[in-house]
């Protein structure tokens, strides 16, 4: 059933049968303000998905997901790491993010997503789900337009800032690993 779902920074709604460590902080610097979390999978069944570039393992023992939920933003970013390598960025377009003072966060998924490959190539996906949500009255025209505009902004940002963003994501990951 298609609906706007509340999701959590630690992704507890997805991996209920996994062992993982999770830490989060509220962070503010010149580039970002909001919740940053780090999930380290210590025991999870291998999870593979179809990606714009073929089948891809996104979760397994030792994989890490760096999660960013900007305060007052309409997206969350999951940067996926394995053996110290950043191999995919996944951006959920959101209706809203609610970030706690400790950095934990909830967000409301608006169906549309942007996947960025290891080489920095962005792909907007799940447009058909957003179209269906509009046709079914689950999202308004304003929410639909906001989702499309946000996805377009994410794609443009990645095209112009991929290297800088990757560097910053490694900094945020180190911040959480040492806290």
Protein backbone atom coordinates (compact mmCIF):
# COMPACT_ATOMS: atom_id res chain seq x y z
CA UNK A 1 0.00 0.00 0.00
CA UNK A 2 1.33 3.38 -1.01
CA UNK A 3 1.61 5.88 1.86
CA UNK A 4 3.95 8.51 3.25
CA UNK A 5 6.01 6.53 5.74
CA UNK A 6 7.79 7.76 8.82
CA UNK A 7 11.35 6.47 8.81
CA UNK A 8 14.17 6.75 11.30
CA UNK A 9 17.80 7.72 11.04
CA UNK A 10 18.87 4.32 12.41
CA UNK A 11 16.63 2.56 9.84
CA UNK A 12 15.03 0.41 12.53
CA UNK A 13 11.99 -0.06 10.32
CA UNK A 14 14.07 -1.89 7.68
CA UNK A 15 16.55 -4.08 9.47
CA UNK A 16 14.60 -5.43 12.43
CA UNK A 17 16.44 -8.75 12.27
CA UNK A 18 19.95 -7.34 12.15
CA UNK A 19 22.66 -6.64 14.68
CA UNK A 20 24.14 -3.21 14.29
CA UNK A 21 25.71 -0.37 16.15
CA UNK A 22 24.26 3.11 15.84
CA UNK A 23 25.54 6.44 17.04
CA UNK A 24 24.30 9.92 16.25
CA UNK A 25 25.02 13.57 16.98
CA UNK A 26 23.47 16.92 16.28
CA UNK A 27 25.99 18.76 14.14
CA UNK A 28 26.27 22.29 12.83
CA UNK A 29 29.00 23.70 10.61
CA UNK A 30 29.20 26.00 7.59
CA UNK A 31 27.90 23.22 5.30
CA UNK A 32 25.29 21.33 7.31
CA UNK A 33 22.99 21.52 10.32
CA UNK A 34 21.01 18.56 11.56
CA UNK A 35 21.30 14.95 12.62
CA UNK A 36 24.17 12.76 11.55
CA UNK A 37 24.07 9.05 12.33
CA UNK A 38 26.36 6.12 11.64
CA UNK A 39 25.05 2.58 11.33
CA UNK A 40 27.62 -0.22 11.42
CA UNK A 41 26.16 -3.59 10.49
CA UNK A 42 27.60 -6.32 12.72
CA UNK A 43 25.18 -9.08 11.79
CA UNK A 44 22.76 -8.75 8.91
CA UNK A 45 21.69 -10.95 6.05
CA UNK A 46 23.33 -9.69 2.86
CA UNK A 47 21.03 -7.16 1.19
CA UNK A 48 21.30 -6.58 -2.54
CA UNK A 49 19.27 -4.16 -4.61
CA UNK A 50 18.90 -3.26 -8.24
CA UNK A 51 20.74 -0.04 -8.94
CA UNK A 52 21.05 2.06 -12.10
CA UNK A 53 24.35 0.25 -12.65
CA UNK A 54 23.20 -3.32 -11.88
CA UNK A 55 22.89 -5.47 -8.73
CA UNK A 56 24.60 -3.95 -5.72
CA UNK A 57 25.17 -5.18 -2.18
CA UNK A 58 24.20 -2.33 0.15
CA UNK A 59 24.31 -4.06 3.54
CA UNK A 60 26.29 -6.91 5.03
CA UNK A 61 28.52 -7.49 8.03
CA UNK A 62 30.99 -4.60 8.27
CA UNK A 63 29.12 -2.22 5.98
CA UNK A 64 28.46 1.28 7.29
CA UNK A 65 25.80 3.82 6.45
CA UNK A 66 26.37 7.47 7.24
CA UNK A 67 22.98 9.15 7.56
CA UNK A 68 22.40 12.91 7.28
CA UNK A 69 19.04 14.50 8.06
CA UNK A 70 19.22 18.26 7.68
CA UNK A 71 17.18 20.39 10.03
CA UNK A 72 14.38 21.98 8.02
CA UNK A 73 15.43 20.01 4.93
CA UNK A 74 13.42 17.98 2.47
CA UNK A 75 15.88 15.15 1.98
CA UNK A 76 18.01 12.68 3.89
CA UNK A 77 21.30 11.35 2.60
CA UNK A 78 22.63 7.84 3.13
CA UNK A 79 26.30 7.46 2.23
CA UNK A 80 27.19 3.76 2.03
CA UNK A 81 30.68 2.54 2.93
CA UNK A 82 32.42 -0.83 2.73
CA UNK A 83 36.04 -1.42 3.69
CA UNK A 84 36.59 2.34 3.92
CA UNK A 85 35.26 2.97 0.42
CA UNK A 86 32.26 5.22 -0.26
CA UNK A 87 30.40 3.23 -2.89
CA UNK A 88 26.95 4.83 -3.16
CA UNK A 89 24.92 7.84 -2.07
CA UNK A 90 21.16 7.43 -1.69
CA UNK A 91 18.98 10.49 -1.18
CA UNK A 92 15.40 10.13 0.05
CA UNK A 93 13.27 13.14 -0.81
CA UNK A 94 11.20 13.94 2.28
CA UNK A 95 8.10 15.84 3.25
CA UNK A 96 9.87 16.96 6.43
CA UNK A 97 12.62 15.97 8.82
CA UNK A 98 12.31 16.07 12.60
CA UNK A 99 15.72 16.21 14.25
CA UNK A 100 16.13 15.72 18.01
CA UNK A 101 18.69 17.69 20.05
CA UNK A 102 20.86 14.53 20.29
CA UNK A 103 20.88 14.16 16.49
CA UNK A 104 18.43 11.28 16.17
CA UNK A 105 15.84 11.97 13.50
CA UNK A 106 12.64 10.92 11.85
CA UNK A 107 11.66 11.78 8.32
CA UNK A 108 8.63 11.36 6.10
CA UNK A 109 9.51 9.74 2.78
CA UNK A 110 7.97 11.29 -0.36
CA UNK A 111 8.68 8.30 -2.64
CA UNK A 112 11.12 10.06 -4.98
CA UNK A 113 14.83 9.23 -4.59
CA UNK A 114 18.15 10.15 -6.11
CA UNK A 115 20.90 7.53 -6.32
CA UNK A 116 24.46 8.66 -6.94
CA UNK A 117 26.98 6.13 -8.17
CA UNK A 118 30.52 5.79 -6.91
CA UNK A 119 31.62 7.83 -9.94
CA UNK A 120 29.25 10.70 -9.04
CA UNK A 121 26.55 10.07 -11.60
CA UNK A 122 23.10 10.95 -10.20
CA UNK A 123 19.94 9.08 -11.18
CA UNK A 124 16.42 10.10 -10.11
CA UNK A 125 14.37 6.99 -9.37
CA UNK A 126 10.87 6.01 -8.24
CA UNK A 127 9.17 8.77 -10.22
CA UNK A 128 6.32 6.36 -10.97
CA UNK A 129 5.66 5.98 -7.23
CA UNK A 130 5.44 9.76 -6.81
CA UNK A 131 3.12 9.97 -9.83
CA UNK A 132 0.91 7.24 -8.36
CA UNK A 133 0.86 9.00 -4.97
CA UNK A 134 -0.34 12.19 -6.67
CA UNK A 135 -3.00 10.36 -8.71
CA UNK A 136 -4.21 8.59 -5.54
CA UNK A 137 -4.41 11.79 -3.51
CA UNK A 138 -1.67 10.68 -1.09
CA UNK A 139 0.38 13.78 -1.92
CA UNK A 140 -0.85 17.21 -2.96
CA UNK A 141 0.25 19.04 -6.09
CA UNK A 142 2.37 21.30 -3.87
CA UNK A 143 4.09 18.32 -2.23
CA UNK A 144 4.62 16.71 -5.62
CA UNK A 145 6.20 19.88 -7.03
CA UNK A 146 8.39 20.28 -3.93
CA UNK A 147 9.62 16.69 -4.27
CA UNK A 148 10.51 17.15 -7.94
CA UNK A 149 12.22 20.50 -7.28
CA UNK A 150 14.20 19.05 -4.37
CA UNK A 151 15.33 16.08 -6.46
CA UNK A 152 16.41 18.46 -9.24
CA UNK A 153 18.38 20.53 -6.70
CA UNK A 154 20.07 17.39 -5.35
CA UNK A 155 21.07 16.29 -8.86
CA UNK A 156 22.47 19.77 -9.67
CA UNK A 157 24.33 19.90 -6.35
CA UNK A 158 25.97 16.53 -6.97
CA UNK A 159 26.95 17.46 -10.51
CA UNK A 160 28.77 20.55 -9.22
CA UNK A 161 30.07 19.40 -5.83
CA UNK A 162 30.66 15.65 -5.88
CA UNK A 163 34.33 15.67 -4.82
CA UNK A 164 33.82 18.26 -2.07
CA UNK A 165 30.81 16.40 -0.70
CA UNK A 166 32.64 13.06 -0.64
CA UNK A 167 35.46 14.66 1.35
CA UNK A 168 32.96 16.12 3.82
CA UNK A 169 31.19 12.77 4.22
CA UNK A 170 34.46 11.10 5.19
CA UNK A 171 34.98 13.89 7.78
CA UNK A 172 31.51 13.30 9.25
CA UNK A 173 32.12 9.56 9.36
CA UNK A 174 35.39 10.08 11.27
CA UNK A 175 33.59 12.45 13.65
CA UNK A 176 31.11 9.72 14.60
CA UNK A 177 33.70 6.94 14.75
CA UNK A 178 35.74 8.95 17.28
CA UNK A 179 32.86 10.22 19.43
